[in-house]
């Protein structure tokens, strides 16, 4: 069983701050992997999880989509 599965099963907050998936968000047991399992979210909800604004999430989304487009079309940055 992976750690995030155990946190979800036993409803225990992750305290392993050095983990690359750790976030300060008690509603998702402090785990980005568990946060991503909740399904579609608004930009505001994602921003709340990571402690940034809705606008910053929008900026990141646009940047990621552009990178994906470049990869698909063969224009890798």
PDB file of N, CA and C in Angstrom:
ATOM      1  N   UNK A   1       0.843  -1.178   0.000  1.00  0.00           N
ATOM      2  CA  UNK A   1       0.000   0.000   0.000  1.00  0.00           C
ATOM      3  C   UNK A   1       0.889   1.242   0.000  1.00  0.00           C
ATOM      4  N   UNK A   2       0.595   2.148  -0.901  1.00  0.00           N
ATOM      5  CA  UNK A   2       1.351   3.403  -0.977  1.00  0.00           C
ATOM      6  C   UNK A   2       0.904   4.331   0.146  1.00  0.00           C
ATOM      7  N   UNK A   3       1.767   5.272   0.516  1.00  0.00           N
ATOM      8  CA  UNK A   3       1.463   6.123   1.671  1.00  0.00           C
ATOM      9  C   UNK A   3       0.171   6.903   1.491  1.00  0.00           C
ATOM     10  N   UNK A   4      -0.066   7.449   0.294  1.00  0.00           N
ATOM     11  CA  UNK A   4      -1.287   8.234   0.110  1.00  0.00           C
ATOM     12  C   UNK A   4      -2.537   7.369   0.222  1.00  0.00           C
ATOM     13  N   UNK A   5      -2.429   6.107  -0.158  1.00  0.00           N
ATOM     14  CA  UNK A   5      -3.563   5.193  -0.004  1.00  0.00           C
ATOM     15  C   UNK A   5      -3.855   4.948   1.473  1.00  0.00           C
ATOM     16  N   UNK A   6      -2.807   4.828   2.264  1.00  0.00           N
ATOM     17  CA  UNK A   6      -2.975   4.621   3.705  1.00  0.00           C
ATOM     18  C   UNK A   6      -3.593   5.852   4.360  1.00  0.00           C
ATOM     19  N   UNK A   7      -3.140   7.047   3.957  1.00  0.00           N
ATOM     20  CA  UNK A   7      -3.713   8.275   4.518  1.00  0.00           C
ATOM     21  C   UNK A   7      -5.195   8.383   4.181  1.00  0.00           C
ATOM     22  N   UNK A   8      -5.530   8.016   2.962  1.00  0.00           N
ATOM     23  CA  UNK A   8      -6.929   8.076   2.545  1.00  0.00           C
ATOM     24  C   UNK A   8      -7.766   7.036   3.301  1.00  0.00           C
ATOM     25  N   UNK A   9      -7.251   5.835   3.405  1.00  0.00           N
ATOM     26  CA  UNK A   9      -7.988   4.750   4.057  1.00  0.00           C
ATOM     27  C   UNK A   9      -8.238   5.044   5.533  1.00  0.00           C
ATOM     28  N   UNK A  10      -7.197   5.517   6.235  1.00  0.00           N
ATOM     29  CA  UNK A  10      -7.307   5.733   7.669  1.00  0.00           C
ATOM     30  C   UNK A  10      -7.659   7.169   8.038  1.00  0.00           C
ATOM     31  N   UNK A  11      -7.865   8.015   7.030  1.00  0.00           N
ATOM     32  CA  UNK A  11      -8.245   9.429   7.245  1.00  0.00           C
ATOM     33  C   UNK A  11      -7.277  10.147   8.171  1.00  0.00           C
ATOM     34  N   UNK A  12      -5.987   9.966   7.902  1.00  0.00           N
ATOM     35  CA  UNK A  12      -4.934  10.596   8.702  1.00  0.00           C
ATOM     36  C   UNK A  12      -4.178  11.596   7.846  1.00  0.00           C
ATOM     37  N   UNK A  13      -3.902  12.758   8.401  1.00  0.00           N
ATOM     38  CA  UNK A  13      -3.148  13.793   7.710  1.00  0.00           C
ATOM     39  C   UNK A  13      -1.690  13.366   7.542  1.00  0.00           C
ATOM     40  N   UNK A  14      -1.126  13.645   6.391  1.00  0.00           N
ATOM     41  CA  UNK A  14       0.293  13.386   6.174  1.00  0.00           C
ATOM     42  C   UNK A  14       1.108  14.451   6.898  1.00  0.00           C
ATOM     43  N   UNK A  15       2.140  14.031   7.574  1.00  0.00           N
ATOM     44  CA  UNK A  15       3.008  14.961   8.295  1.00  0.00           C
ATOM     45  C   UNK A  15       4.412  14.985   7.707  1.00  0.00           C
ATOM     46  N   UNK A  16       4.610  14.282   6.611  1.00  0.00           N
ATOM     47  CA  UNK A  16       5.925  14.160   5.992  1.00  0.00           C
ATOM     48  C   UNK A  16       6.165  15.357   5.059  1.00  0.00           C
ATOM     49  N   UNK A  17       6.490  16.488   5.636  1.00  0.00           N
ATOM     50  CA  UNK A  17       6.626  17.748   4.907  1.00  0.00           C
ATOM     51  C   UNK A  17       7.658  17.654   3.780  1.00  0.00           C
ATOM     52  N   UNK A  18       8.671  16.837   3.915  1.00  0.00           N
ATOM     53  CA  UNK A  18       9.701  16.718   2.887  1.00  0.00           C
ATOM     54  C   UNK A  18       9.243  15.926   1.668  1.00  0.00           C
ATOM     55  N   UNK A  19       8.074  15.301   1.723  1.00  0.00           N
ATOM     56  CA  UNK A  19       7.549  14.543   0.582  1.00  0.00           C
ATOM     57  C   UNK A  19       7.248  15.491  -0.573  1.00  0.00           C
ATOM     58  N   UNK A  20       7.568  15.095  -1.781  1.00  0.00           N
ATOM     59  CA  UNK A  20       7.346  15.966  -2.943  1.00  0.00           C
ATOM     60  C   UNK A  20       5.865  16.184  -3.232  1.00  0.00           C
ATOM     61  N   UNK A  21       4.989  15.368  -2.680  1.00  0.00           N
ATOM     62  CA  UNK A  21       3.553  15.508  -2.895  1.00  0.00           C
ATOM     63  C   UNK A  21       2.835  16.206  -1.735  1.00  0.00           C
ATOM     64  N   UNK A  22       3.576  16.614  -0.711  1.00  0.00           N
ATOM     65  CA  UNK A  22       2.975  17.246   0.466  1.00  0.00           C
ATOM     66  C   UNK A  22       2.547  18.669   0.147  1.00  0.00           C
ATOM     67  N   UNK A  23       1.337  19.014   0.584  1.00  0.00           N
ATOM     68  CA  UNK A  23       0.839  20.387   0.516  1.00  0.00           C
ATOM     69  C   UNK A  23       0.148  20.699   1.830  1.00  0.00           C
ATOM     70  N   UNK A  24       0.050  21.942   2.145  1.00  0.00           N
ATOM     71  CA  UNK A  24      -0.604  22.346   3.383  1.00  0.00           C
ATOM     72  C   UNK A  24      -2.098  22.503   3.115  1.00  0.00           C
ATOM     73  N   UNK A  25      -2.792  21.385   3.053  1.00  0.00           N
ATOM     74  CA  UNK A  25      -4.226  21.377   2.740  1.00  0.00           C
ATOM     75  C   UNK A  25      -4.893  20.224   3.473  1.00  0.00           C
ATOM     76  N   UNK A  26      -5.507  20.531   4.600  1.00  0.00           N
ATOM     77  CA  UNK A  26      -6.076  19.475   5.440  1.00  0.00           C
ATOM     78  C   UNK A  26      -7.243  18.743   4.781  1.00  0.00           C
ATOM     79  N   UNK A  27      -7.953  19.377   3.850  1.00  0.00           N
ATOM     80  CA  UNK A  27      -9.095  18.704   3.233  1.00  0.00           C
ATOM     81  C   UNK A  27      -8.677  17.549   2.335  1.00  0.00           C
ATOM     82  N   UNK A  28      -7.410  17.516   1.928  1.00  0.00           N
ATOM     83  CA  UNK A  28      -6.916  16.414   1.099  1.00  0.00           C
ATOM     84  C   UNK A  28      -5.783  15.657   1.785  1.00  0.00           C
ATOM     85  N   UNK A  29      -5.821  15.637   3.107  1.00  0.00           N
ATOM     86  CA  UNK A  29      -4.841  14.910   3.928  1.00  0.00           C
ATOM     87  C   UNK A  29      -3.405  15.383   3.673  1.00  0.00           C
ATOM     88  N   UNK A  30      -3.250  16.625   3.202  1.00  0.00           N
ATOM     89  CA  UNK A  30      -1.944  17.234   2.890  1.00  0.00           C
ATOM     90  C   UNK A  30      -1.231  16.543   1.729  1.00  0.00           C
ATOM     91  N   UNK A  31      -1.978  15.981   0.807  1.00  0.00           N
ATOM     92  CA  UNK A  31      -1.381  15.216  -0.291  1.00  0.00           C
ATOM     93  C   UNK A  31      -1.948  15.668  -1.639  1.00  0.00           C
ATOM     94  N   UNK A  32      -1.084  16.067  -2.567  1.00  0.00           N
ATOM     95  CA  UNK A  32      -1.556  16.491  -3.888  1.00  0.00           C
ATOM     96  C   UNK A  32      -2.201  15.334  -4.632  1.00  0.00           C
ATOM     97  N   UNK A  33      -1.728  14.122  -4.410  1.00  0.00           N
ATOM     98  CA  UNK A  33      -2.309  12.966  -5.097  1.00  0.00           C
ATOM     99  C   UNK A  33      -3.749  12.737  -4.657  1.00  0.00           C
ATOM    100  N   UNK A  34      -4.016  12.925  -3.377  1.00  0.00           N
ATOM    101  CA  UNK A  34      -5.384  12.776  -2.899  1.00  0.00           C
ATOM    102  C   UNK A  34      -6.241  13.951  -3.353  1.00  0.00           C
ATOM    103  N   UNK A  35      -5.664  15.125  -3.396  1.00  0.00           N
ATOM    104  CA  UNK A  35      -6.404  16.301  -3.866  1.00  0.00           C
ATOM    105  C   UNK A  35      -6.826  16.121  -5.317  1.00  0.00           C
ATOM    106  N   UNK A  36      -5.977  15.499  -6.121  1.00  0.00           N
ATOM    107  CA  UNK A  36      -6.288  15.321  -7.538  1.00  0.00           C
ATOM    108  C   UNK A  36      -7.376  14.282  -7.768  1.00  0.00           C
ATOM    109  N   UNK A  37      -7.651  13.451  -6.790  1.00  0.00           N
ATOM    110  CA  UNK A  37      -8.662  12.405  -6.939  1.00  0.00           C
ATOM    111  C   UNK A  37     -10.079  12.928  -6.749  1.00  0.00           C
ATOM    112  N   UNK A  38     -10.227  14.158  -6.298  1.00  0.00           N
ATOM    113  CA  UNK A  38     -11.562  14.682  -6.010  1.00  0.00           C
ATOM    114  C   UNK A  38     -12.329  15.053  -7.269  1.00  0.00           C
ATOM    115  N   UNK A  39     -11.696  14.965  -8.421  1.00  0.00           N
ATOM    116  CA  UNK A  39     -12.398  15.243  -9.671  1.00  0.00           C
ATOM    117  C   UNK A  39     -12.193  16.660 -10.137  1.00  0.00           C
ATOM    118  N   UNK A  40     -12.992  17.076 -11.116  1.00  0.00           N
ATOM    119  CA  UNK A  40     -12.840  18.426 -11.654  1.00  0.00           C
ATOM    120  C   UNK A  40     -13.003  19.484 -10.572  1.00  0.00           C
ATOM    121  N   UNK A  41     -12.136  20.486 -10.620  1.00  0.00           N
ATOM    122  CA  UNK A  41     -12.175  21.577  -9.646  1.00  0.00           C
ATOM    123  C   UNK A  41     -12.116  22.903 -10.387  1.00  0.00           C
ATOM    124  N   UNK A  42     -12.587  23.928  -9.736  1.00  0.00           N
ATOM    125  CA  UNK A  42     -12.469  25.266 -10.300  1.00  0.00           C
ATOM    126  C   UNK A  42     -11.046  25.766 -10.093  1.00  0.00           C
ATOM    127  N   UNK A  43     -10.692  26.803 -10.830  1.00  0.00           N
ATOM    128  CA  UNK A  43      -9.368  27.399 -10.643  1.00  0.00           C
ATOM    129  C   UNK A  43      -9.215  27.909  -9.212  1.00  0.00           C
ATOM    130  N   UNK A  44     -10.293  28.418  -8.643  1.00  0.00           N
ATOM    131  CA  UNK A  44     -10.258  28.912  -7.268  1.00  0.00           C
ATOM    132  C   UNK A  44      -9.972  27.771  -6.292  1.00  0.00           C
ATOM    133  N   UNK A  45     -10.614  26.635  -6.477  1.00  0.00           N
ATOM    134  CA  UNK A  45     -10.397  25.493  -5.587  1.00  0.00           C
ATOM    135  C   UNK A  45      -8.956  25.001  -5.675  1.00  0.00           C
ATOM    136  N   UNK A  46      -8.403  24.960  -6.872  1.00  0.00           N
ATOM    137  CA  UNK A  46      -7.008  24.545  -7.037  1.00  0.00           C
ATOM    138  C   UNK A  46      -6.079  25.561  -6.384  1.00  0.00           C
ATOM    139  N   UNK A  47      -6.360  26.823  -6.584  1.00  0.00           N
ATOM    140  CA  UNK A  47      -5.562  27.874  -5.953  1.00  0.00           C
ATOM    141  C   UNK A  47      -5.595  27.780  -4.442  1.00  0.00           C
ATOM    142  N   UNK A  48      -6.758  27.478  -3.878  1.00  0.00           N
ATOM    143  CA  UNK A  48      -6.880  27.331  -2.429  1.00  0.00           C
ATOM    144  C   UNK A  48      -6.014  26.185  -1.915  1.00  0.00           C
ATOM    145  N   UNK A  49      -5.948  25.102  -2.660  1.00  0.00           N
ATOM    146  CA  UNK A  49      -5.133  23.961  -2.258  1.00  0.00           C
ATOM    147  C   UNK A  49      -3.655  24.338  -2.198  1.00  0.00           C
ATOM    148  N   UNK A  50      -3.183  25.079  -3.206  1.00  0.00           N
ATOM    149  CA  UNK A  50      -1.762  25.407  -3.285  1.00  0.00           C
ATOM    150  C   UNK A  50      -1.407  26.753  -2.681  1.00  0.00           C
ATOM    151  N   UNK A  51      -2.396  27.453  -2.193  1.00  0.00           N
ATOM    152  CA  UNK A  51      -2.131  28.737  -1.543  1.00  0.00           C
ATOM    153  C   UNK A  51      -1.743  29.837  -2.522  1.00  0.00           C
ATOM    154  N   UNK A  52      -2.293  29.788  -3.717  1.00  0.00           N
ATOM    155  CA  UNK A  52      -2.043  30.838  -4.710  1.00  0.00           C
ATOM    156  C   UNK A  52      -3.386  31.325  -5.255  1.00  0.00           C
ATOM    157  N   UNK A  53      -3.336  32.387  -6.030  1.00  0.00           N
ATOM    158  CA  UNK A  53      -4.580  32.955  -6.545  1.00  0.00           C
ATOM    159  C   UNK A  53      -5.126  32.156  -7.719  1.00  0.00           C
ATOM    160  N   UNK A  54      -6.393  32.383  -7.973  1.00  0.00           N
ATOM    161  CA  UNK A  54      -7.060  31.783  -9.131  1.00  0.00           C
ATOM    162  C   UNK A  54      -6.368  32.228 -10.415  1.00  0.00           C
ATOM    163  N   UNK A  55      -5.938  33.479 -10.460  1.00  0.00           N
ATOM    164  CA  UNK A  55      -5.266  34.010 -11.642  1.00  0.00           C
ATOM    165  C   UNK A  55      -3.933  33.300 -11.878  1.00  0.00           C
ATOM    166  N   UNK A  56      -3.202  32.991 -10.829  1.00  0.00           N
ATOM    167  CA  UNK A  56      -1.917  32.290 -10.987  1.00  0.00           C
ATOM    168  C   UNK A  56      -2.146  30.889 -11.544  1.00  0.00           C
ATOM    169  N   UNK A  57      -3.180  30.213 -11.074  1.00  0.00           N
ATOM    170  CA  UNK A  57      -3.502  28.888 -11.603  1.00  0.00           C
ATOM    171  C   UNK A  57      -3.864  29.004 -13.083  1.00  0.00           C
ATOM    172  N   UNK A  58      -4.607  30.035 -13.437  1.00  0.00           N
ATOM    173  CA  UNK A  58      -4.970  30.264 -14.838  1.00  0.00           C
ATOM    174  C   UNK A  58      -3.720  30.472 -15.693  1.00  0.00           C
ATOM    175  N   UNK A  59      -2.768  31.259 -15.188  1.00  0.00           N
ATOM    176  CA  UNK A  59      -1.512  31.491 -15.910  1.00  0.00           C
ATOM    177  C   UNK A  59      -0.752  30.188 -16.118  1.00  0.00           C
ATOM    178  N   UNK A  60      -0.674  29.384 -15.074  1.00  0.00           N
ATOM    179  CA  UNK A  60       0.028  28.104 -15.171  1.00  0.00           C
ATOM    180  C   UNK A  60      -0.672  27.165 -16.141  1.00  0.00           C
ATOM    181  N   UNK A  61      -1.996  27.146 -16.091  1.00  0.00           N
ATOM    182  CA  UNK A  61      -2.764  26.299 -17.003  1.00  0.00           C
ATOM    183  C   UNK A  61      -2.467  26.665 -18.462  1.00  0.00           C
ATOM    184  N   UNK A  62      -2.473  27.953 -18.765  1.00  0.00           N
ATOM    185  CA  UNK A  62      -2.194  28.401 -20.133  1.00  0.00           C
ATOM    186  C   UNK A  62      -0.787  28.012 -20.568  1.00  0.00           C
ATOM    187  N   UNK A  63       0.150  28.166 -19.672  1.00  0.00           N
ATOM    188  CA  UNK A  63       1.548  27.822 -19.969  1.00  0.00           C
ATOM    189  C   UNK A  63       1.711  26.325 -20.237  1.00  0.00           C
ATOM    190  N   UNK A  64       1.069  25.516 -19.422  1.00  0.00           N
ATOM    191  CA  UNK A  64       1.139  24.059 -19.587  1.00  0.00           C
ATOM    192  C   UNK A  64       0.490  23.634 -20.896  1.00  0.00           C
ATOM    193  N   UNK A  65      -0.680  24.199 -21.193  1.00  0.00           N
ATOM    194  CA  UNK A  65      -1.356  23.848 -22.441  1.00  0.00           C
ATOM    195  C   UNK A  65      -0.518  24.240 -23.654  1.00  0.00           C
ATOM    196  N   UNK A  66       0.165  25.384 -23.578  1.00  0.00           N
ATOM    197  CA  UNK A  66       1.035  25.804 -24.680  1.00  0.00           C
ATOM    198  C   UNK A  66       2.208  24.839 -24.842  1.00  0.00           C
ATOM    199  N   UNK A  67       2.792  24.412 -23.741  1.00  0.00           N
ATOM    200  CA  UNK A  67       3.895  23.443 -23.807  1.00  0.00           C
ATOM    201  C   UNK A  67       3.425  22.123 -24.400  1.00  0.00           C
ATOM    202  N   UNK A  68       2.231  21.678 -24.012  1.00  0.00           N
ATOM    203  CA  UNK A  68       1.698  20.435 -24.549  1.00  0.00           C
ATOM    204  C   UNK A  68       1.451  20.561 -26.064  1.00  0.00           C
ATOM    205  N   UNK A  69       0.939  21.703 -26.459  1.00  0.00           N
ATOM    206  CA  UNK A  69       0.719  21.964 -27.880  1.00  0.00           C
ATOM    207  C   UNK A  69       2.030  21.915 -28.654  1.00  0.00           C
ATOM    208  N   UNK A  70       3.075  22.528 -28.082  1.00  0.00           N
ATOM    209  CA  UNK A  70       4.389  22.534 -28.722  1.00  0.00           C
ATOM    210  C   UNK A  70       4.954  21.120 -28.852  1.00  0.00           C
ATOM    211  N   UNK A  71       4.773  20.317 -27.855  1.00  0.00           N
ATOM    212  CA  UNK A  71       5.279  18.948 -27.886  1.00  0.00           C
ATOM    213  C   UNK A  71       4.546  18.145 -28.966  1.00  0.00           C
ATOM    214  N   UNK A  72       3.228  18.304 -28.998  1.00  0.00           N
ATOM    215  CA  UNK A  72       2.428  17.570 -29.993  1.00  0.00           C
ATOM    216  C   UNK A  72       2.796  17.968 -31.424  1.00  0.00           C
ATOM    217  N   UNK A  73       3.034  19.252 -31.616  1.00  0.00           N
ATOM    218  CA  UNK A  73       3.350  19.735 -32.968  1.00  0.00           C
ATOM    219  C   UNK A  73       4.839  19.600 -33.305  1.00  0.00           C
ATOM    220  N   UNK A  74       5.649  19.152 -32.351  1.00  0.00           N
ATOM    221  CA  UNK A  74       7.068  18.948 -32.610  1.00  0.00           C
ATOM    222  C   UNK A  74       7.935  20.160 -32.355  1.00  0.00           C
ATOM    223  N   UNK A  75       7.364  21.210 -31.792  1.00  0.00           N
ATOM    224  CA  UNK A  75       8.136  22.428 -31.474  1.00  0.00           C
ATOM    225  C   UNK A  75       8.508  22.434 -29.993  1.00  0.00           C
ATOM    226  N   UNK A  76       9.355  21.533 -29.607  1.00  0.00           N
ATOM    227  CA  UNK A  76       9.718  21.396 -28.193  1.00  0.00           C
ATOM    228  C   UNK A  76      10.599  22.561 -27.791  1.00  0.00           C
ATOM    229  N   UNK A  77      10.234  23.203 -26.654  1.00  0.00           N
ATOM    230  CA  UNK A  77      10.996  24.353 -26.129  1.00  0.00           C
ATOM    231  C   UNK A  77      12.276  23.889 -25.475  1.00  0.00           C
TER     232      UNK A  77
END
